[in-house]
mmCIF file of all heavy atoms, coordinates in Angstrom:
data_MODEL
# 
_entry.id   MODEL 
# 
loop_
_atom_site.group_PDB 
_atom_site.id 
_atom_site.type_symbol 
_atom_site.label_atom_id 
_atom_site.label_alt_id 
_atom_site.label_comp_id 
_atom_site.label_asym_id 
_atom_site.label_entity_id 
_atom_site.label_seq_id 
_atom_site.pdbx_PDB_ins_code 
_atom_site.Cartn_x 
_atom_site.Cartn_y 
_atom_site.Cartn_z 
_atom_site.occupancy 
_atom_site.B_iso_or_equiv 
_atom_site.pdbx_formal_charge 
_atom_site.auth_seq_id 
_atom_site.auth_comp_id 
_atom_site.auth_asym_id 
_atom_site.auth_atom_id 
_atom_site.pdbx_PDB_model_num 
ATOM 1   N N   . ILE A 1 1  ? -104.405 84.680  -151.364 1.00 0.00 ? 1  ILE A N   1 
ATOM 2   C CA  . ILE A 1 1  ? -103.731 85.877  -150.859 1.00 0.00 ? 1  ILE A CA  1 
ATOM 3   C C   . ILE A 1 1  ? -104.135 86.149  -149.417 1.00 0.00 ? 1  ILE A C   1 
ATOM 4   O O   . ILE A 1 1  ? -103.335 86.673  -148.630 1.00 0.00 ? 1  ILE A O   1 
ATOM 5   C CB  . ILE A 1 1  ? -104.026 87.087  -151.758 1.00 0.00 ? 1  ILE A CB  1 
ATOM 6   C CG1 . ILE A 1 1  ? -103.707 86.746  -153.207 1.00 0.00 ? 1  ILE A CG1 1 
ATOM 7   C CG2 . ILE A 1 1  ? -103.203 88.302  -151.320 1.00 0.00 ? 1  ILE A CG2 1 
ATOM 8   C CD1 . ILE A 1 1  ? -102.309 86.178  -153.438 1.00 0.00 ? 1  ILE A CD1 1 
ATOM 9   N N   . ALA A 1 2  ? -105.351 85.776  -149.043 1.00 0.00 ? 2  ALA A N   1 
ATOM 10  C CA  . ALA A 1 2  ? -105.741 85.871  -147.636 1.00 0.00 ? 2  ALA A CA  1 
ATOM 11  C C   . ALA A 1 2  ? -104.860 84.950  -146.788 1.00 0.00 ? 2  ALA A C   1 
ATOM 12  O O   . ALA A 1 2  ? -104.432 85.312  -145.683 1.00 0.00 ? 2  ALA A O   1 
ATOM 13  C CB  . ALA A 1 2  ? -107.208 85.503  -147.469 1.00 0.00 ? 2  ALA A CB  1 
ATOM 14  N N   . ALA A 1 3  ? -104.567 83.762  -147.307 1.00 0.00 ? 3  ALA A N   1 
ATOM 15  C CA  . ALA A 1 3  ? -103.667 82.843  -146.603 1.00 0.00 ? 3  ALA A CA  1 
ATOM 16  C C   . ALA A 1 3  ? -102.256 83.420  -146.525 1.00 0.00 ? 3  ALA A C   1 
ATOM 17  O O   . ALA A 1 3  ? -101.577 83.299  -145.493 1.00 0.00 ? 3  ALA A O   1 
ATOM 18  C CB  . ALA A 1 3  ? -103.646 81.495  -147.316 1.00 0.00 ? 3  ALA A CB  1 
ATOM 19  N N   . ALA A 1 4  ? -101.812 84.067  -147.593 1.00 0.00 ? 4  ALA A N   1 
ATOM 20  C CA  . ALA A 1 4  ? -100.492 84.700  -147.593 1.00 0.00 ? 4  ALA A CA  1 
ATOM 21  C C   . ALA A 1 4  ? -100.413 85.791  -146.536 1.00 0.00 ? 4  ALA A C   1 
ATOM 22  O O   . ALA A 1 4  ? -99.352  86.028  -145.945 1.00 0.00 ? 4  ALA A O   1 
ATOM 23  C CB  . ALA A 1 4  ? -100.195 85.284  -148.974 1.00 0.00 ? 4  ALA A CB  1 
ATOM 24  N N   . SER A 1 5  ? -101.540 86.447  -146.276 1.00 0.00 ? 5  SER A N   1 
ATOM 25  C CA  . SER A 1 5  ? -101.584 87.470  -145.229 1.00 0.00 ? 5  SER A CA  1 
ATOM 26  C C   . SER A 1 5  ? -101.246 86.864  -143.873 1.00 0.00 ? 5  SER A C   1 
ATOM 27  O O   . SER A 1 5  ? -100.413 87.386  -143.124 1.00 0.00 ? 5  SER A O   1 
ATOM 28  C CB  . SER A 1 5  ? -102.976 88.112  -145.179 1.00 0.00 ? 5  SER A CB  1 
ATOM 29  O OG  . SER A 1 5  ? -103.109 88.949  -144.042 1.00 0.00 ? 5  SER A OG  1 
ATOM 30  N N   . GLY A 1 6  ? -101.893 85.735  -143.549 1.00 0.00 ? 6  GLY A N   1 
ATOM 31  C CA  . GLY A 1 6  ? -101.631 85.091  -142.269 1.00 0.00 ? 6  GLY A CA  1 
ATOM 32  C C   . GLY A 1 6  ? -100.185 84.668  -142.110 1.00 0.00 ? 6  GLY A C   1 
ATOM 33  O O   . GLY A 1 6  ? -99.571  84.866  -141.055 1.00 0.00 ? 6  GLY A O   1 
ATOM 34  N N   . LEU A 1 7  ? -99.601  84.105  -143.165 1.00 0.00 ? 7  LEU A N   1 
ATOM 35  C CA  . LEU A 1 7  ? -98.209  83.649  -143.106 1.00 0.00 ? 7  LEU A CA  1 
ATOM 36  C C   . LEU A 1 7  ? -97.240  84.819  -142.977 1.00 0.00 ? 7  LEU A C   1 
ATOM 37  O O   . LEU A 1 7  ? -96.246  84.749  -142.247 1.00 0.00 ? 7  LEU A O   1 
ATOM 38  C CB  . LEU A 1 7  ? -97.889  82.828  -144.349 1.00 0.00 ? 7  LEU A CB  1 
ATOM 39  C CG  . LEU A 1 7  ? -98.610  81.484  -144.458 1.00 0.00 ? 7  LEU A CG  1 
ATOM 40  C CD1 . LEU A 1 7  ? -98.341  80.830  -145.810 1.00 0.00 ? 7  LEU A CD1 1 
ATOM 41  C CD2 . LEU A 1 7  ? -98.184  80.546  -143.325 1.00 0.00 ? 7  LEU A CD2 1 
ATOM 42  N N   . THR A 1 8  ? -97.520  85.911  -143.680 1.00 0.00 ? 8  THR A N   1 
ATOM 43  C CA  . THR A 1 8  ? -96.635  87.074  -143.622 1.00 0.00 ? 8  THR A CA  1 
ATOM 44  C C   . THR A 1 8  ? -96.691  87.738  -142.254 1.00 0.00 ? 8  THR A C   1 
ATOM 45  O O   . THR A 1 8  ? -95.665  88.183  -141.718 1.00 0.00 ? 8  THR A O   1 
ATOM 46  C CB  . THR A 1 8  ? -97.014  88.087  -144.726 1.00 0.00 ? 8  THR A CB  1 
ATOM 47  O OG1 . THR A 1 8  ? -97.047  87.435  -145.987 1.00 0.00 ? 8  THR A OG1 1 
ATOM 48  C CG2 . THR A 1 8  ? -96.012  89.232  -144.779 1.00 0.00 ? 8  THR A CG2 1 
ATOM 49  N N   . LEU A 1 9  ? -97.881  87.814  -141.669 1.00 0.00 ? 9  LEU A N   1 
ATOM 50  C CA  . LEU A 1 9  ? -98.010  88.380  -140.322 1.00 0.00 ? 9  LEU A CA  1 
ATOM 51  C C   . LEU A 1 9  ? -97.298  87.500  -139.292 1.00 0.00 ? 9  LEU A C   1 
ATOM 52  O O   . LEU A 1 9  ? -96.720  88.009  -138.327 1.00 0.00 ? 9  LEU A O   1 
ATOM 53  C CB  . LEU A 1 9  ? -99.489  88.540  -139.968 1.00 0.00 ? 9  LEU A CB  1 
ATOM 54  C CG  . LEU A 1 9  ? -100.249 89.610  -140.757 1.00 0.00 ? 9  LEU A CG  1 
ATOM 55  C CD1 . LEU A 1 9  ? -101.745 89.530  -140.470 1.00 0.00 ? 9  LEU A CD1 1 
ATOM 56  C CD2 . LEU A 1 9  ? -99.726  91.006  -140.415 1.00 0.00 ? 9  LEU A CD2 1 
ATOM 57  N N   . LEU A 1 10 ? -97.342  86.190  -139.493 1.00 0.00 ? 10 LEU A N   1 
ATOM 58  C CA  . LEU A 1 10 ? -96.596  85.290  -138.607 1.00 0.00 ? 10 LEU A CA  1 
ATOM 59  C C   . LEU A 1 10 ? -95.103  85.582  -138.702 1.00 0.00 ? 10 LEU A C   1 
ATOM 60  O O   . LEU A 1 10 ? -94.404  85.663  -137.678 1.00 0.00 ? 10 LEU A O   1 
ATOM 61  C CB  . LEU A 1 10 ? -96.865  83.834  -138.993 1.00 0.00 ? 10 LEU A CB  1 
ATOM 62  C CG  . LEU A 1 10 ? -95.999  82.783  -138.287 1.00 0.00 ? 10 LEU A CG  1 
ATOM 63  C CD1 . LEU A 1 10 ? -96.242  82.801  -136.782 1.00 0.00 ? 10 LEU A CD1 1 
ATOM 64  C CD2 . LEU A 1 10 ? -96.265  81.397  -138.867 1.00 0.00 ? 10 LEU A CD2 1 
ATOM 65  N N   . ALA A 1 11 ? -94.599  85.742  -139.916 1.00 0.00 ? 11 ALA A N   1 
ATOM 66  C CA  . ALA A 1 11 ? -93.182  86.056  -140.109 1.00 0.00 ? 11 ALA A CA  1 
ATOM 67  C C   . ALA A 1 11 ? -92.822  87.377  -139.425 1.00 0.00 ? 11 ALA A C   1 
ATOM 68  O O   . ALA A 1 11 ? -91.756  87.512  -138.805 1.00 0.00 ? 11 ALA A O   1 
ATOM 69  C CB  . ALA A 1 11 ? -92.855  86.123  -141.599 1.00 0.00 ? 11 ALA A CB  1 
ATOM 70  N N   . ALA A 1 12 ? -93.709  88.360  -139.522 1.00 0.00 ? 12 ALA A N   1 
ATOM 71  C CA  . ALA A 1 12 ? -93.468  89.657  -138.879 1.00 0.00 ? 12 ALA A CA  1 
ATOM 72  C C   . ALA A 1 12 ? -93.344  89.499  -137.371 1.00 0.00 ? 12 ALA A C   1 
ATOM 73  O O   . ALA A 1 12 ? -92.443  90.071  -136.733 1.00 0.00 ? 12 ALA A O   1 
ATOM 74  C CB  . ALA A 1 12 ? -94.595  90.627  -139.214 1.00 0.00 ? 12 ALA A CB  1 
ATOM 75  N N   . GLY A 1 13 ? -94.251  88.726  -136.785 1.00 0.00 ? 13 GLY A N   1 
ATOM 76  C CA  . GLY A 1 13 ? -94.213  88.512  -135.348 1.00 0.00 ? 13 GLY A CA  1 
ATOM 77  C C   . GLY A 1 13 ? -92.939  87.816  -134.905 1.00 0.00 ? 13 GLY A C   1 
ATOM 78  O O   . GLY A 1 13 ? -92.333  88.173  -133.891 1.00 0.00 ? 13 GLY A O   1 
ATOM 79  N N   . LEU A 1 14 ? -92.497  86.828  -135.676 1.00 0.00 ? 14 LEU A N   1 
ATOM 80  C CA  . LEU A 1 14 ? -91.284  86.093  -135.328 1.00 0.00 ? 14 LEU A CA  1 
ATOM 81  C C   . LEU A 1 14 ? -90.045  86.986  -135.410 1.00 0.00 ? 14 LEU A C   1 
ATOM 82  O O   . LEU A 1 14 ? -89.188  86.966  -134.520 1.00 0.00 ? 14 LEU A O   1 
ATOM 83  C CB  . LEU A 1 14 ? -91.123  84.887  -136.261 1.00 0.00 ? 14 LEU A CB  1 
ATOM 84  C CG  . LEU A 1 14 ? -92.157  83.764  -136.099 1.00 0.00 ? 14 LEU A CG  1 
ATOM 85  C CD1 . LEU A 1 14 ? -91.957  82.693  -137.172 1.00 0.00 ? 14 LEU A CD1 1 
ATOM 86  C CD2 . LEU A 1 14 ? -92.069  83.137  -134.706 1.00 0.00 ? 14 LEU A CD2 1 
ATOM 87  N N   . VAL A 1 15 ? -89.945  87.785  -136.470 1.00 0.00 ? 15 VAL A N   1 
ATOM 88  C CA  . VAL A 1 15 ? -88.788  88.676  -136.614 1.00 0.00 ? 15 VAL A CA  1 
ATOM 89  C C   . VAL A 1 15 ? -88.775  89.722  -135.507 1.00 0.00 ? 15 VAL A C   1 
ATOM 90  O O   . VAL A 1 15 ? -87.727  90.008  -134.914 1.00 0.00 ? 15 VAL A O   1 
ATOM 91  C CB  . VAL A 1 15 ? -88.786  89.349  -138.001 1.00 0.00 ? 15 VAL A CB  1 
ATOM 92  C CG1 . VAL A 1 15 ? -87.668  90.388  -138.094 1.00 0.00 ? 15 VAL A CG1 1 
ATOM 93  C CG2 . VAL A 1 15 ? -88.622  88.315  -139.106 1.00 0.00 ? 15 VAL A CG2 1 
ATOM 94  N N   . ALA A 1 16 ? -89.943  90.307  -135.203 1.00 0.00 ? 16 ALA A N   1 
ATOM 95  C CA  . ALA A 1 16 ? -90.010  91.312  -134.138 1.00 0.00 ? 16 ALA A CA  1 
ATOM 96  C C   . ALA A 1 16 ? -89.629  90.715  -132.791 1.00 0.00 ? 16 ALA A C   1 
ATOM 97  O O   . ALA A 1 16 ? -88.979  91.360  -131.961 1.00 0.00 ? 16 ALA A O   1 
ATOM 98  C CB  . ALA A 1 16 ? -91.415  91.900  -134.068 1.00 0.00 ? 16 ALA A CB  1 
ATOM 99  N N   . ALA A 1 17 ? -90.013  89.460  -132.560 1.00 0.00 ? 17 ALA A N   1 
ATOM 100 C CA  . ALA A 1 17 ? -89.742  88.816  -131.277 1.00 0.00 ? 17 ALA A CA  1 
ATOM 101 C C   . ALA A 1 17 ? -88.254  88.535  -131.079 1.00 0.00 ? 17 ALA A C   1 
ATOM 102 O O   . ALA A 1 17 ? -87.736  88.638  -129.957 1.00 0.00 ? 17 ALA A O   1 
ATOM 103 C CB  . ALA A 1 17 ? -90.546  87.531  -131.162 1.00 0.00 ? 17 ALA A CB  1 
ATOM 104 N N   . VAL A 1 18 ? -87.564  88.164  -132.146 1.00 0.00 ? 18 VAL A N   1 
ATOM 105 C CA  . VAL A 1 18 ? -86.155  87.778  -132.005 1.00 0.00 ? 18 VAL A CA  1 
ATOM 106 C C   . VAL A 1 18 ? -85.192  88.924  -132.311 1.00 0.00 ? 18 VAL A C   1 
ATOM 107 O O   . VAL A 1 18 ? -83.993  88.788  -132.061 1.00 0.00 ? 18 VAL A O   1 
ATOM 108 C CB  . VAL A 1 18 ? -85.820  86.576  -132.926 1.00 0.00 ? 18 VAL A CB  1 
ATOM 109 C CG1 . VAL A 1 18 ? -86.713  85.391  -132.611 1.00 0.00 ? 18 VAL A CG1 1 
ATOM 110 C CG2 . VAL A 1 18 ? -85.933  86.953  -134.403 1.00 0.00 ? 18 VAL A CG2 1 
ATOM 111 N N   . ALA A 1 19 ? -85.698  90.039  -132.836 1.00 0.00 ? 19 ALA A N   1 
ATOM 112 C CA  . ALA A 1 19 ? -84.819  91.157  -133.189 1.00 0.00 ? 19 ALA A CA  1 
ATOM 113 C C   . ALA A 1 19 ? -84.192  91.769  -131.934 1.00 0.00 ? 19 ALA A C   1 
ATOM 114 O O   . ALA A 1 19 ? -84.898  92.068  -130.967 1.00 0.00 ? 19 ALA A O   1 
ATOM 115 C CB  . ALA A 1 19 ? -85.613  92.228  -133.936 1.00 0.00 ? 19 ALA A CB  1 
ATOM 116 N N   . PRO A 1 20 ? -82.869  91.952  -131.907 1.00 0.00 ? 20 PRO A N   1 
ATOM 117 C CA  . PRO A 1 20 ? -82.237  92.629  -130.778 1.00 0.00 ? 20 PRO A CA  1 
ATOM 118 C C   . PRO A 1 20 ? -82.800  94.045  -130.635 1.00 0.00 ? 20 PRO A C   1 
ATOM 119 O O   . PRO A 1 20 ? -82.986  94.736  -131.643 1.00 0.00 ? 20 PRO A O   1 
ATOM 120 C CB  . PRO A 1 20 ? -80.752  92.663  -131.167 1.00 0.00 ? 20 PRO A CB  1 
ATOM 121 C CG  . PRO A 1 20 ? -80.594  91.585  -132.189 1.00 0.00 ? 20 PRO A CG  1 
ATOM 122 C CD  . PRO A 1 20 ? -81.896  91.538  -132.928 1.00 0.00 ? 20 PRO A CD  1 
ATOM 123 N N   . PRO A 1 21 ? -83.092  94.496  -129.421 1.00 0.00 ? 21 PRO A N   1 
ATOM 124 C CA  . PRO A 1 21 ? -83.672  95.836  -129.244 1.00 0.00 ? 21 PRO A CA  1 
ATOM 125 C C   . PRO A 1 21 ? -82.822  96.953  -129.833 1.00 0.00 ? 21 PRO A C   1 
ATOM 126 O O   . PRO A 1 21 ? -83.340  98.000  -130.195 1.00 0.00 ? 21 PRO A O   1 
ATOM 127 C CB  . PRO A 1 21 ? -83.773  95.967  -127.716 1.00 0.00 ? 21 PRO A CB  1 
ATOM 128 C CG  . PRO A 1 21 ? -83.798  94.565  -127.203 1.00 0.00 ? 21 PRO A CG  1 
ATOM 129 C CD  . PRO A 1 21 ? -82.942  93.780  -128.147 1.00 0.00 ? 21 PRO A CD  1 
ATOM 130 N N   . GLN A 1 22 ? -81.506  96.711  -129.943 1.00 0.00 ? 22 GLN A N   1 
ATOM 131 C CA  . GLN A 1 22 ? -80.621  97.745  -130.475 1.00 0.00 ? 22 GLN A CA  1 
ATOM 132 C C   . GLN A 1 22 ? -80.665  97.829  -132.005 1.00 0.00 ? 22 GLN A C   1 
ATOM 133 O O   . GLN A 1 22 ? -80.144  98.779  -132.586 1.00 0.00 ? 22 GLN A O   1 
ATOM 134 C CB  . GLN A 1 22 ? -79.169  97.457  -130.051 1.00 0.00 ? 22 GLN A CB  1 
ATOM 135 C CG  . GLN A 1 22 ? -78.931  97.469  -128.552 1.00 0.00 ? 22 GLN A CG  1 
ATOM 136 C CD  . GLN A 1 22 ? -79.378  96.189  -127.870 1.00 0.00 ? 22 GLN A CD  1 
ATOM 137 O OE1 . GLN A 1 22 ? -79.614  95.164  -128.540 1.00 0.00 ? 22 GLN A OE1 1 
ATOM 138 N NE2 . GLN A 1 22 ? -79.528  96.230  -126.543 1.00 0.00 ? 22 GLN A NE2 1 
ATOM 139 N N   . SER A 1 23 ? -81.269  96.838  -132.659 1.00 0.00 ? 23 SER A N   1 
ATOM 140 C CA  . SER A 1 23 ? -81.242  96.778  -134.115 1.00 0.00 ? 23 SER A CA  1 
ATOM 141 C C   . SER A 1 23 ? -82.445  97.480  -134.737 1.00 0.00 ? 23 SER A C   1 
ATOM 142 O O   . SER A 1 23 ? -83.543  96.913  -134.822 1.00 0.00 ? 23 SER A O   1 
ATOM 143 C CB  . SER A 1 23 ? -81.195  95.316  -134.575 1.00 0.00 ? 23 SER A CB  1 
ATOM 144 O OG  . SER A 1 23 ? -81.243  95.238  -135.984 1.00 0.00 ? 23 SER A OG  1 
ATOM 145 N N   . VAL A 1 24 ? -82.232  98.694  -135.183 1.00 0.00 ? 24 VAL A N   1 
ATOM 146 C CA  . VAL A 1 24 ? -83.291  99.429  -135.876 1.00 0.00 ? 24 VAL A CA  1 
ATOM 147 C C   . VAL A 1 24 ? -83.622  98.741  -137.200 1.00 0.00 ? 24 VAL A C   1 
ATOM 148 O O   . VAL A 1 24 ? -84.786  98.671  -137.614 1.00 0.00 ? 24 VAL A O   1 
ATOM 149 C CB  . VAL A 1 24 ? -82.868  100.889 -136.117 1.00 0.00 ? 24 VAL A CB  1 
ATOM 150 C CG1 . VAL A 1 24 ? -83.907  101.629 -136.967 1.00 0.00 ? 24 VAL A CG1 1 
ATOM 151 C CG2 . VAL A 1 24 ? -82.661  101.615 -134.796 1.00 0.00 ? 24 VAL A CG2 1 
ATOM 152 N N   . ALA A 1 25 ? -82.597  98.189  -137.849 1.00 0.00 ? 25 ALA A N   1 
ATOM 153 C CA  . ALA A 1 25 ? -82.791  97.557  -139.158 1.00 0.00 ? 25 ALA A CA  1 
ATOM 154 C C   . ALA A 1 25 ? -83.733  96.357  -139.060 1.00 0.00 ? 25 ALA A C   1 
ATOM 155 O O   . ALA A 1 25 ? -84.657  96.210  -139.870 1.00 0.00 ? 25 ALA A O   1 
ATOM 156 C CB  . ALA A 1 25 ? -81.450  97.124  -139.741 1.00 0.00 ? 25 ALA A CB  1 
ATOM 157 N N   . LEU A 1 26 ? -83.510  95.477  -138.068 1.00 0.00 ? 26 LEU A N   1 
ATOM 158 C CA  . LEU A 1 26 ? -84.363  94.299  -137.943 1.00 0.00 ? 26 LEU A CA  1 
ATOM 159 C C   . LEU A 1 26 ? -85.779  94.672  -137.519 1.00 0.00 ? 26 LEU A C   1 
ATOM 160 O O   . LEU A 1 26 ? -86.754  94.061  -137.965 1.00 0.00 ? 26 LEU A O   1 
ATOM 161 C CB  . LEU A 1 26 ? -83.760  93.307  -136.948 1.00 0.00 ? 26 LEU A CB  1 
ATOM 162 C CG  . LEU A 1 26 ? -82.681  92.376  -137.506 1.00 0.00 ? 26 LEU A CG  1 
ATOM 163 C CD1 . LEU A 1 26 ? -82.149  91.452  -136.419 1.00 0.00 ? 26 LEU A CD1 1 
ATOM 164 C CD2 . LEU A 1 26 ? -83.207  91.569  -138.682 1.00 0.00 ? 26 LEU A CD2 1 
ATOM 165 N N   . LEU A 1 27 ? -85.905  95.673  -136.670 1.00 0.00 ? 27 LEU A N   1 
ATOM 166 C CA  . LEU A 1 27 ? -87.245  96.137  -136.302 1.00 0.00 ? 27 LEU A CA  1 
ATOM 167 C C   . LEU A 1 27 ? -87.962  96.705  -137.523 1.00 0.00 ? 27 LEU A C   1 
ATOM 168 O O   . LEU A 1 27 ? -89.169  96.519  -137.687 1.00 0.00 ? 27 LEU A O   1 
ATOM 169 C CB  . LEU A 1 27 ? -87.162  97.182  -135.191 1.00 0.00 ? 27 LEU A CB  1 
ATOM 170 C CG  . LEU A 1 27 ? -86.790  96.651  -133.803 1.00 0.00 ? 27 LEU A CG  1 
ATOM 171 C CD1 . LEU A 1 27 ? -86.550  97.804  -132.834 1.00 0.00 ? 27 LEU A CD1 1 
ATOM 172 C CD2 . LEU A 1 27 ? -87.891  95.730  -133.269 1.00 0.00 ? 27 LEU A CD2 1 
ATOM 173 N N   . ALA A 1 28 ? -87.210  97.383  -138.386 1.00 0.00 ? 28 ALA A N   1 
ATOM 174 C CA  . ALA A 1 28 ? -87.807  97.906  -139.622 1.00 0.00 ? 28 ALA A CA  1 
ATOM 175 C C   . ALA A 1 28 ? -88.257  96.769  -140.531 1.00 0.00 ? 28 ALA A C   1 
ATOM 176 O O   . ALA A 1 28 ? -89.317  96.845  -141.166 1.00 0.00 ? 28 ALA A O   1 
ATOM 177 C CB  . ALA A 1 28 ? -86.806  98.809  -140.346 1.00 0.00 ? 28 ALA A CB  1 
ATOM 178 N N   . VAL A 1 29 ? -87.449  95.689  -140.600 1.00 0.00 ? 29 VAL A N   1 
ATOM 179 C CA  . VAL A 1 29 ? -87.842  94.525  -141.396 1.00 0.00 ? 29 VAL A CA  1 
ATOM 180 C C   . VAL A 1 29 ? -89.134  93.917  -140.848 1.00 0.00 ? 29 VAL A C   1 
ATOM 181 O O   . VAL A 1 29 ? -90.062  93.584  -141.597 1.00 0.00 ? 29 VAL A O   1 
ATOM 182 C CB  . VAL A 1 29 ? -86.718  93.473  -141.398 1.00 0.00 ? 29 VAL A CB  1 
ATOM 183 C CG1 . VAL A 1 29 ? -87.217  92.156  -142.009 1.00 0.00 ? 29 VAL A CG1 1 
ATOM 184 C CG2 . VAL A 1 29 ? -85.511  93.983  -142.175 1.00 0.00 ? 29 VAL A CG2 1 
# 
């Protein structure tokens, strides 16, 4: 589960980086 933490945080960073600034929904994800 510690490893799952690292992978999930990576996914969060990737989604935040590519999310259009106008998209509240993607920023929420």
